[in-house]
Structure formats: structure tokens, C-alpha cells
């Protein structure tokens, strides 16, 4: 299916997206869509004939456990709600621990790379087949950006993706910004990856911005698209005409004119590279035969132990697993904590309002000792609870507001509206 040029739909830029010229389709984060009430902006876009593709971020198909049937059902429901031609997810793990390794469950709150090993590939292939059987439309999987690499990897990224496609028939969502990120952070050549992966399996392409700090590229989705990322897009276009190309932006949203300018740069890059000879990629054949074999439990157990050790080091203060770069693990750990702080501030905007300038430092201190075990709303409640247990914040009025905020959301039933009004009036009278 030909998608064309699109942009990631986000509530913060909904009006701008609707007004942008030449938008053929949009992508929406699946977990942010409520099946009971589609945002008005998406309704209007669909009425105009704009295709909407749900993009999942929480399945964790690269994890050691089989995909959660509830999450798969939710993704399927969003695909049907939107009449989407396909759904997309990531080649990543997002949680670890649990019964398989007899440890508490850990949530990364982020997409983490799977090891490019035979064990991990076997598990991923079975997980993908389970997902495909549960979804009403085709599935495409995205390569992710990485700050860290696994020791002892057996395949390059292109080889890993090629064998995944051959064994499952899954399609690919290639993020050229992520290829650039892995070039800077891991020394991997984007052109080599493009030569090795099956470009004919590409469903569409992501383009996004980032920033380099101290020699590390951070795939922020909050900065303008850079020239090197567009160069990777041109490399891809010289090999294949992708069915769709989409601009992603998740934070620090610029004016609509700036978004339109980035879309124009993407179009110009595609047009400029389209005159190059369309050459078949010199594919590297998988070194193991394709098949639909089921990995034994021992394979999943080994992967679970490795992923739990890594995630424990990143979010729970555990020791660095053997073979990992300790300095780079520290960069990843701090990035995860910073992302948690940012997302919690969006999910619960009252917290930075109550805590003021002390919010970020307080949250990072909390995150360093308390790994996330549920979603971000649970994280916000746990953060507030830990502050209150410690007698913080020091200001009595702020502590009282935080107490009321926590009580309103942590109880089995939220207080009635009259109770909240009484609290607000009382706080006003005592000069909060």
C-alpha cells in the first residue's frame, strides 16, 4: 500500500497537523488512543480520507516472555477502530524480571535493544508469529536507536532483520534516524545495514531529530532533523522507493511552519535521491535455515536472565553485567531516569506545579532508588507517596496539596466533587 508523506499525530500539534498541506497519512501512538473515544482531530482527519496507523510502544516483542494477550487485544482493537491498513511496533524489550527468573518485575519505560544472537532471534520470531496471529492487519516492526550494545553478538543489524523477515514474513518500519544513532553510538555503518536488510519488506520509514552530547547521539524526537539523518534517507531511497515516509516529533514542538519546512526537506531528499540507480541490495543470506520452530524454555530462560541483569543495572542499581561498557550504561541509566521524570511531569502536571523547581531533582533521586514497576501513572503515585513518607516537601502548604493530590488518586474511589471543592476553599482560606 502506498502511504505517501506523513507526520506523527500528537495531541499537542493536532491543529497544526490538520492544517499542514500535503499530508497523506498520520501515525498515532496506539497506547494513547482510547477505544471508547477517538480524539476529534483524528475523526476529522479520517473523514478527509487521511490514513491513520497505530504505532505501539509497549508490547516488548523482543522480551523473553511471550506477548501479553491483553496488550495484543488492545492493539488489535485500535487497528479496527481506525480501519488501519497495518499496525507497527518495535524490535525491543521494555520489561524484564518476573516469575521466569524469580524476581520482581521491572519496567524500562523505554525501548531497549535485544541482543543480536541466535537465542534472541528465535524468541523474537516466535513472539512475532504470536502477534501476527492475534492482529487483524499486517504487522511491521521498527529498528530502534541504542545507547548500548550487547557483548557477544552473532549477527549485524541487517542480518538480524533479514532473517527475522525471512522466518516470519513480518514487514519493516525502518527509522533512518535510528540507523544514524547507531552509527554514532555503536560505530555501525548505515549503508551496510541497508545493503544487508530486505528493503523490499519496508512498509514505511521514520525520520526524526536528535542531538549529540559528549560523543553520544540522543534520539530525542525533540530537535530538528539533521543533515546526516537526511543523508541516510537518501541512501535508503537510492535502493528502494519506500511506500511511506513519516516525520516524528514528540516534544518541544516547533511552530507549524517549522514542521512544514522539515517535511519539505524530506520531500526534497526523496526527490533528489530518486534519480539514482535503483539497485538490488547485496543481501547476506541467513547462516541458519529459516523455519517456524519453537524455542525451548531454556532459551527463553537464558534471555530472561540476561535482560533482567541488564535492566536491573539500568534502573535498580544492580551491578553492570559482564562485558558491558560501564560508562555507557551510566549514560543509558541517566537517560531512562530523565525520561521517566519528563513523562511523569506530563502524566501528572500537578506534581511539578506543587514541587516547583525542586521537582526534577526530587524525581531523579527517587528514580535512582525505585525502579518503575507499573505504568507512568503508577510511577507518579509512588513518587508522591515516597515524598510524603519522607515528610516532604518541607513547605507545609505544598505538602498538604501533595497529600490531597495523592489521596484523590490513590484511593479505591476518588473523592466526590463536593469534597474537592471544600478542600480548595479551605486551602484558599488558610493561604496555601
Protein backbone atom coordinates (compact mmCIF):
# COMPACT_ATOMS: atom_id res chain seq x y z
CA UNK A 1 0.00 0.00 0.00
CA UNK A 2 1.29 3.45 -0.94
CA UNK A 3 1.08 5.74 2.09
CA UNK A 4 2.94 8.84 0.89
CA UNK A 5 4.26 11.59 3.17
CA UNK A 6 3.03 11.69 6.75
CA UNK A 7 3.63 13.06 10.22
CA UNK A 8 3.30 11.67 13.70
CA UNK A 9 -0.01 12.85 15.17
CA UNK A 10 0.28 14.12 18.74
CA UNK A 11 -2.41 15.96 20.75
CA UNK A 12 -0.09 18.94 21.25
CA UNK A 13 0.13 19.56 17.49
CA UNK A 14 -3.25 18.23 16.40
CA UNK A 15 -4.41 21.52 14.91
CA UNK A 16 -1.11 22.06 13.12
CA UNK A 17 -1.21 18.56 11.65
CA UNK A 18 -4.73 19.12 10.33
CA UNK A 19 -3.62 22.35 8.67
CA UNK A 20 -0.36 21.11 7.13
CA UNK A 21 -0.51 20.87 3.33
CA UNK A 22 0.31 17.65 1.55
CA UNK A 23 -0.19 15.25 4.46
CA UNK A 24 -1.26 11.85 3.14
CA UNK A 25 -1.34 9.94 6.42
CA UNK A 26 -0.56 10.14 10.13
CA UNK A 27 0.71 7.77 12.77
CA UNK A 28 -0.65 7.82 16.33
CA UNK A 29 0.80 6.15 19.43
CA UNK A 30 -1.56 3.24 19.99
CA UNK A 31 -1.42 3.35 23.78
CA UNK A 32 -2.54 7.00 23.75
CA UNK A 33 -5.77 6.22 21.87
CA UNK A 34 -8.87 5.40 23.88
CA UNK A 35 -11.08 2.95 22.00
CA UNK A 36 -14.15 4.45 23.61
CA UNK A 37 -13.50 7.97 22.38
CA UNK A 38 -11.38 8.79 19.35
CA UNK A 39 -9.90 12.33 19.51
CA UNK A 40 -11.91 14.77 17.42
CA UNK A 41 -8.84 15.67 15.39
CA UNK A 42 -8.32 12.06 14.28
CA UNK A 43 -12.02 11.79 13.45
CA UNK A 44 -11.76 14.83 11.18
CA UNK A 45 -8.60 13.53 9.52
CA UNK A 46 -10.20 10.17 8.82
CA UNK A 47 -13.29 11.90 7.39
CA UNK A 48 -10.93 13.66 4.97
CA UNK A 49 -9.56 10.30 3.87
CA UNK A 50 -6.27 10.58 5.78
CA UNK A 51 -4.98 7.14 6.78
CA UNK A 52 -4.19 6.66 10.49
CA UNK A 53 -1.69 3.98 11.54
CA UNK A 54 -1.47 2.91 15.22
CA UNK A 55 2.11 2.66 16.45
CA UNK A 56 2.60 0.52 19.56
CA UNK A 57 5.34 1.07 22.13
CA UNK A 58 4.64 -1.40 24.94
CA UNK A 59 4.41 -4.94 23.53
CA UNK A 60 8.07 -5.72 24.11
CA UNK A 61 8.25 -8.37 21.39
CA UNK A 62 11.99 -8.71 21.96
CA UNK A 63 11.47 -9.71 25.58
CA UNK A 64 11.90 -13.21 26.95
CA UNK A 65 8.21 -13.75 27.68
CA UNK A 66 5.52 -14.39 25.12
CA UNK A 67 3.45 -11.32 24.19
CA UNK A 68 0.72 -10.36 26.62
CA UNK A 69 -2.65 -11.24 25.12
CA UNK A 70 -4.31 -8.20 26.69
CA UNK A 71 -1.85 -5.82 25.06
CA UNK A 72 -2.27 -7.60 21.74
CA UNK A 73 -6.06 -7.33 22.03
CA UNK A 74 -5.74 -3.60 22.74
CA UNK A 75 -3.55 -3.08 19.69
CA UNK A 76 -5.94 -5.10 17.54
CA UNK A 77 -8.88 -3.03 18.79
CA UNK A 78 -7.15 0.21 17.84
CA UNK A 79 -6.35 -1.11 14.38
CA UNK A 80 -10.02 -1.98 13.85
CA UNK A 81 -11.22 1.34 15.32
CA UNK A 82 -9.05 3.26 12.87
CA UNK A 83 -9.60 0.92 9.90
CA UNK A 84 -5.80 0.89 9.71
CA UNK A 85 -4.06 -0.92 6.85
CA UNK A 86 -1.34 -2.14 9.23
CA UNK A 87 -0.01 -1.71 12.77
CA UNK A 88 3.57 -1.18 13.87
CA UNK A 89 5.71 -1.96 16.90
CA UNK A 90 9.40 -2.19 17.83
CA UNK A 91 12.17 -4.76 17.93
CA UNK A 92 12.91 -4.14 21.59
CA UNK A 93 12.35 -5.29 25.13
CA UNK A 94 10.67 -2.98 27.63
CA UNK A 95 10.37 -5.11 30.76
CA UNK A 96 12.16 -7.98 32.49
CA UNK A 97 12.15 -9.97 35.70
CA UNK A 98 9.07 -11.79 36.91
CA UNK A 99 8.32 -15.47 37.57
CA UNK A 100 10.65 -16.82 34.89
CA UNK A 101 13.67 -15.57 36.86
CA UNK A 102 12.01 -15.47 40.31
CA UNK A 103 12.48 -11.75 40.71
CA UNK A 104 10.25 -8.66 40.85
CA UNK A 105 9.09 -7.35 37.52
CA UNK A 106 10.98 -4.36 36.14
CA UNK A 107 9.76 -1.77 33.64
CA UNK A 108 12.22 0.16 31.49
CA UNK A 109 9.78 2.87 30.41
CA UNK A 110 11.79 2.87 27.20
CA UNK A 111 12.73 0.73 24.21
CA UNK A 112 15.89 -1.28 24.88
CA UNK A 113 17.90 -3.27 22.31
CA UNK A 114 17.73 -7.04 22.13
CA UNK A 115 21.00 -8.94 21.72
CA UNK A 116 21.60 -9.93 18.10
CA UNK A 117 22.09 -13.58 18.98
CA UNK A 118 20.51 -16.81 17.81
CA UNK A 119 18.71 -17.24 21.13
CA UNK A 120 17.19 -13.76 20.97
CA UNK A 121 16.24 -14.18 17.32
CA UNK A 122 14.50 -17.50 17.98
CA UNK A 123 12.46 -15.94 20.79
CA UNK A 124 11.66 -12.83 18.76
CA UNK A 125 10.47 -14.87 15.79
CA UNK A 126 8.05 -16.88 17.90
CA UNK A 127 6.79 -13.74 19.61
CA UNK A 128 6.24 -12.09 16.24
CA UNK A 129 4.27 -15.07 14.96
CA UNK A 130 2.08 -14.96 18.08
CA UNK A 131 1.46 -11.25 17.48
CA UNK A 132 0.69 -11.76 13.80
CA UNK A 133 -1.89 -14.42 14.65
CA UNK A 134 -3.60 -12.01 17.08
CA UNK A 135 -3.78 -8.93 14.85
CA UNK A 136 -6.40 -8.25 12.16
CA UNK A 137 -3.94 -6.46 9.86
CA UNK A 138 -0.27 -6.89 8.86
CA UNK A 139 2.45 -6.05 11.38
CA UNK A 140 5.60 -4.02 10.69
CA UNK A 141 8.49 -3.77 13.15
CA UNK A 142 10.85 -0.86 13.74
CA UNK A 143 14.59 -0.94 14.33
CA UNK A 144 15.42 1.06 17.45
CA UNK A 145 18.10 3.57 18.48
CA UNK A 146 20.60 2.30 21.03
CA UNK A 147 23.00 3.83 23.52
CA UNK A 148 24.45 0.45 24.45
CA UNK A 149 25.39 -2.76 22.67
CA UNK A 150 25.36 -6.33 23.91
CA UNK A 151 28.60 -8.29 24.18
CA UNK A 152 28.95 -11.44 22.12
CA UNK A 153 26.52 -10.54 19.34
CA UNK A 154 26.42 -13.02 16.47
CA UNK A 155 24.66 -11.01 13.75
CA UNK A 156 24.77 -7.48 12.36
CA UNK A 157 21.59 -5.43 12.47
CA UNK A 158 20.96 -6.01 8.77
CA UNK A 159 21.47 -9.77 9.09
CA UNK A 160 19.22 -9.90 12.14
CA UNK A 161 16.42 -8.06 10.33
CA UNK A 162 16.85 -10.10 7.16
CA UNK A 163 16.46 -13.38 8.96
CA UNK A 164 13.54 -12.08 11.01
CA UNK A 165 11.70 -11.18 7.80
CA UNK A 166 12.57 -14.47 6.12
CA UNK A 167 11.37 -16.55 9.05
CA UNK A 168 8.17 -14.65 9.86
CA UNK A 169 7.15 -12.63 6.81
CA UNK A 170 6.88 -9.54 9.02
CA UNK A 171 7.32 -6.16 7.35
CA UNK A 172 9.79 -3.49 8.43
CA UNK A 173 9.48 0.07 9.62
CA UNK A 174 12.96 1.47 9.06
CA UNK A 175 13.87 4.51 11.13
CA UNK A 176 16.76 6.26 9.39
CA UNK A 177 17.38 8.43 12.47
CA UNK A 178 17.90 5.25 14.47
CA UNK A 179 20.39 3.97 11.89
CA UNK A 180 22.28 7.25 12.29
CA UNK A 181 22.09 6.97 16.08
CA UNK A 182 23.62 3.50 15.97
CA UNK A 183 26.32 4.80 13.63
CA UNK A 184 27.39 7.45 16.16
CA UNK A 185 26.93 5.38 19.31
CA UNK A 186 27.90 1.89 18.17
CA UNK A 187 30.04 2.51 15.11
CA UNK A 188 27.63 0.71 12.77
CA UNK A 189 27.55 1.80 9.13
CA UNK A 190 24.02 2.71 7.94
CA UNK A 191 24.89 1.85 4.34
CA UNK A 192 25.99 -1.65 5.34
CA UNK A 193 22.77 -2.19 7.26
CA UNK A 194 20.74 -1.03 4.27
CA UNK A 195 22.71 -3.37 1.99
CA UNK A 196 22.01 -6.34 4.25
CA UNK A 197 18.37 -5.84 5.16
CA UNK A 198 15.50 -6.76 2.80
CA UNK A 199 14.48 -3.32 1.56
CA UNK A 200 11.58 -4.86 -0.35
CA UNK A 201 9.97 -5.62 3.04
CA UNK A 202 9.87 -1.96 4.10
CA UNK A 203 6.33 -0.78 4.92
CA UNK A 204 7.39 2.78 5.66
CA UNK A 205 10.19 4.95 7.03
CA UNK A 206 10.60 7.17 10.08
CA UNK A 207 12.61 10.39 10.07
CA UNK A 208 13.32 12.20 13.35
CA UNK A 209 15.66 14.67 15.03
CA UNK A 210 18.15 14.25 17.82
CA UNK A 211 21.20 15.83 19.38
CA UNK A 212 24.80 14.83 20.09
CA UNK A 213 26.24 15.37 23.57
CA UNK A 214 29.76 14.33 24.55
CA UNK A 215 30.07 12.00 21.60
CA UNK A 216 26.73 10.27 22.26
CA UNK A 217 23.75 10.72 19.95
CA UNK A 218 20.43 11.04 21.75
CA UNK A 219 17.40 10.20 19.62
CA UNK A 220 15.22 12.83 21.29
CA UNK A 221 12.43 13.37 18.74
CA UNK A 222 12.57 16.89 20.19
CA UNK A 223 15.11 18.51 17.85
CA UNK A 224 15.12 19.35 14.13
CA UNK A 225 16.04 16.68 11.63
CA UNK A 226 19.75 16.90 10.82
CA UNK A 227 21.67 16.61 7.57
CA UNK A 228 23.27 13.25 8.44
CA UNK A 229 19.82 11.72 9.04
CA UNK A 230 18.63 13.01 5.67
CA UNK A 231 21.77 11.51 4.13
CA UNK A 232 20.71 8.08 5.45
CA UNK A 233 17.24 8.69 3.99
CA UNK A 234 18.86 9.41 0.62
CA UNK A 235 20.88 6.18 0.91
CA UNK A 236 17.69 4.25 1.51
CA UNK A 237 15.86 5.98 -1.36
CA UNK A 238 18.69 5.09 -3.73
CA UNK A 239 17.87 1.43 -3.05
CA UNK A 240 14.08 1.46 -2.93
CA UNK A 241 11.08 3.77 -3.24
CA UNK A 242 9.54 3.38 0.24
CA UNK A 243 5.73 3.19 0.38
CA UNK A 244 5.63 5.88 3.04
CA UNK A 245 7.88 8.32 4.89
CA UNK A 246 6.87 9.94 8.18
CA UNK A 247 8.25 12.79 10.29
CA UNK A 248 8.26 12.12 14.04
CA UNK A 249 8.20 14.79 16.74
CA UNK A 250 7.36 14.01 20.37
CA UNK A 251 8.43 17.04 22.41
CA UNK A 252 9.44 20.72 22.25
CA UNK A 253 7.05 21.13 19.34
CA UNK A 254 8.01 23.93 16.94
CA UNK A 255 5.59 26.21 15.08
CA UNK A 256 3.65 24.66 12.22
CA UNK A 257 5.86 26.48 9.71
CA UNK A 258 8.94 24.67 11.05
CA UNK A 259 7.21 21.29 10.76
CA UNK A 260 6.21 22.15 7.20
CA UNK A 261 9.83 23.08 6.46
CA UNK A 262 11.08 19.73 7.71
CA UNK A 263 8.51 17.92 5.60
CA UNK A 264 9.71 19.92 2.58
CA UNK A 265 13.31 18.84 3.31
CA UNK A 266 12.18 15.22 3.44
CA UNK A 267 10.39 15.56 0.09
CA UNK A 268 13.42 17.24 -1.45
CA UNK A 269 15.71 14.48 -0.17
CA UNK A 270 13.49 11.79 -1.64
CA UNK A 271 13.22 13.61 -4.96
CA UNK A 272 16.96 14.21 -5.12
CA UNK A 273 17.82 10.57 -4.49
CA UNK A 274 15.14 9.13 -6.79
CA UNK A 275 17.29 9.71 -9.84
CA UNK A 276 19.93 7.31 -8.52
CA UNK A 277 20.02 3.83 -9.99
CA UNK A 278 17.62 1.51 -8.24
CA UNK A 279 19.99 -1.28 -7.30
CA UNK A 280 19.14 -4.55 -5.61
CA UNK A 281 20.67 -4.81 -2.15
CA UNK A 282 23.51 -7.34 -1.92
CA UNK A 283 21.67 -9.43 0.61
CA UNK A 284 23.57 -11.51 3.13
CA UNK A 285 21.82 -14.86 3.37
CA UNK A 286 20.94 -16.12 6.85
CA UNK A 287 23.52 -18.55 8.20
CA UNK A 288 20.80 -20.79 9.66
CA UNK A 289 17.82 -22.27 7.81
CA UNK A 290 14.52 -20.45 8.02
CA UNK A 291 11.76 -22.13 9.95
CA UNK A 292 8.96 -21.81 12.44
CA UNK A 293 10.48 -23.86 15.24
CA UNK A 294 9.51 -23.05 18.82
CA UNK A 295 12.43 -22.10 21.07
CA UNK A 296 12.73 -24.30 24.16
CA UNK A 297 12.00 -22.82 27.58
CA UNK A 298 15.73 -22.92 28.33
CA UNK A 299 16.31 -20.41 25.52
CA UNK A 300 13.74 -18.03 26.95
CA UNK A 301 15.20 -18.53 30.42
CA UNK A 302 18.68 -17.57 29.27
CA UNK A 303 17.37 -14.47 27.55
CA UNK A 304 15.27 -13.57 30.60
CA UNK A 305 18.28 -13.82 32.91
CA UNK A 306 20.39 -11.62 30.62
CA UNK A 307 17.71 -8.97 30.14
CA UNK A 308 16.86 -8.88 33.84
CA UNK A 309 20.51 -8.36 34.76
CA UNK A 310 20.84 -5.52 32.27
CA UNK A 311 17.61 -3.80 33.27
CA UNK A 312 18.47 -4.24 36.95
CA UNK A 313 21.75 -2.42 36.34
CA UNK A 314 19.97 0.38 34.47
CA UNK A 315 17.02 1.07 36.77
CA UNK A 316 17.59 -0.69 40.09
CA UNK A 317 21.21 -0.02 40.97
CA UNK A 318 22.34 -3.55 40.13
CA UNK A 319 25.90 -4.43 39.10
CA UNK A 320 26.94 -3.98 35.49
CA UNK A 321 26.63 -7.31 33.65
CA UNK A 322 29.89 -8.71 32.36
CA UNK A 323 31.00 -7.37 29.02
CA UNK A 324 29.03 -4.12 29.05
CA UNK A 325 30.60 -0.66 28.90
CA UNK A 326 30.06 0.71 32.42
CA UNK A 327 30.31 4.33 31.31
CA UNK A 328 27.76 3.84 28.58
CA UNK A 329 25.47 2.00 31.00
CA UNK A 330 25.60 5.11 33.18
CA UNK A 331 24.59 7.29 30.23
CA UNK A 332 21.65 4.97 29.50
CA UNK A 333 20.62 4.82 33.16
CA UNK A 334 20.55 8.60 33.47
CA UNK A 335 18.65 8.88 30.20
CA UNK A 336 16.00 6.44 31.45
CA UNK A 337 15.56 8.37 34.70
CA UNK A 338 15.32 11.67 32.84
CA UNK A 339 12.69 10.25 30.51
CA UNK A 340 10.69 8.99 33.49
CA UNK A 341 10.81 12.45 35.03
CA UNK A 342 9.62 14.05 31.81
CA UNK A 343 6.78 11.63 31.16
CA UNK A 344 5.55 11.73 34.77
CA UNK A 345 5.50 15.52 34.54
CA UNK A 346 3.18 15.20 31.54
CA UNK A 347 1.01 12.47 33.04
CA UNK A 348 0.72 14.30 36.37
CA UNK A 349 1.38 18.02 35.65
CA UNK A 350 0.25 18.91 39.18
CA UNK A 351 3.47 17.42 40.60
CA UNK A 352 5.93 19.92 39.08
CA UNK A 353 3.40 22.63 39.85
CA UNK A 354 3.31 21.64 43.53
CA UNK A 355 7.03 20.97 43.87
CA UNK A 356 8.23 23.83 41.68
CA UNK A 357 11.89 23.90 40.69
CA UNK A 358 12.64 21.04 43.06
CA UNK A 359 10.56 18.55 41.07
CA UNK A 360 13.25 17.24 38.74
CA UNK A 361 15.96 16.70 41.36
CA UNK A 362 13.44 15.07 43.70
CA UNK A 363 12.22 12.72 41.00
CA UNK A 364 15.70 11.75 39.81
CA UNK A 365 16.65 10.94 43.40
CA UNK A 366 13.54 8.79 43.72
CA UNK A 367 14.14 7.08 40.36
CA UNK A 368 17.67 6.15 41.35
CA UNK A 369 16.35 4.00 44.19
CA UNK A 370 12.94 2.92 42.93
CA UNK A 371 12.60 1.15 39.57
CA UNK A 372 9.32 1.56 37.76
CA UNK A 373 7.12 -1.49 38.27
CA UNK A 374 3.96 -0.29 36.54
CA UNK A 375 2.91 2.45 34.15
CA UNK A 376 3.73 6.12 34.44
CA UNK A 377 0.57 6.95 36.40
CA UNK A 378 1.55 4.35 38.99
CA UNK A 379 5.04 5.85 38.98
CA UNK A 380 3.63 9.30 39.72
CA UNK A 381 1.64 7.96 42.67
CA UNK A 382 4.63 6.04 44.05
CA UNK A 383 6.84 9.12 43.74
CA UNK A 384 4.34 11.27 45.64
CA UNK A 385 3.91 8.59 48.29
CA UNK A 386 7.67 8.33 48.88
CA UNK A 387 7.94 12.10 49.25
CA UNK A 388 5.14 12.16 51.80
CA UNK A 389 6.61 9.26 53.78
CA UNK A 390 9.85 11.25 53.99
CA UNK A 391 7.96 14.33 55.23
CA UNK A 392 8.47 16.26 52.05
CA UNK A 393 8.13 18.78 50.63
CA UNK A 394 9.34 20.93 53.52
CA UNK A 395 6.75 23.63 52.87
CA UNK A 396 3.62 22.67 54.82
CA UNK A 397 1.18 24.09 52.30
CA UNK A 398 2.86 22.26 49.43
CA UNK A 399 2.91 19.05 51.45
CA UNK A 400 -0.80 19.43 52.15
CA UNK A 401 -1.54 19.91 48.45
CA UNK A 402 0.56 16.88 47.59
CA UNK A 403 -1.27 14.84 50.23
CA UNK A 404 -4.64 15.79 48.80
CA UNK A 405 -3.43 15.07 45.26
CA UNK A 406 -2.23 11.61 46.28
CA UNK A 407 -5.41 10.83 48.25
CA UNK A 408 -7.59 11.86 45.33
CA UNK A 409 -5.88 9.36 43.03
CA UNK A 410 -4.68 6.54 45.25
CA UNK A 411 -7.96 5.73 46.96
CA UNK A 412 -10.32 3.00 45.83
CA UNK A 413 -12.81 5.71 44.90
CA UNK A 414 -11.90 9.33 44.12
CA UNK A 415 -13.47 11.86 46.48
CA UNK A 416 -16.71 13.42 45.42
CA UNK A 417 -16.66 16.79 43.72
CA UNK A 418 -18.04 18.46 46.83
CA UNK A 419 -15.12 17.14 48.87
CA UNK A 420 -12.64 18.62 46.40
CA UNK A 421 -14.44 21.96 46.48
CA UNK A 422 -14.34 22.04 50.27
CA UNK A 423 -10.61 21.30 50.21
CA UNK A 424 -9.99 24.03 47.66
CA UNK A 425 -11.98 26.56 49.69
CA UNK A 426 -10.18 25.58 52.89
CA UNK A 427 -6.78 25.89 51.19
CA UNK A 428 -7.72 29.34 49.89
CA UNK A 429 -8.80 30.49 53.33
CA UNK A 430 -5.58 29.44 55.01
CA UNK A 431 -3.48 30.99 52.25
CA UNK A 432 -1.87 27.93 50.71
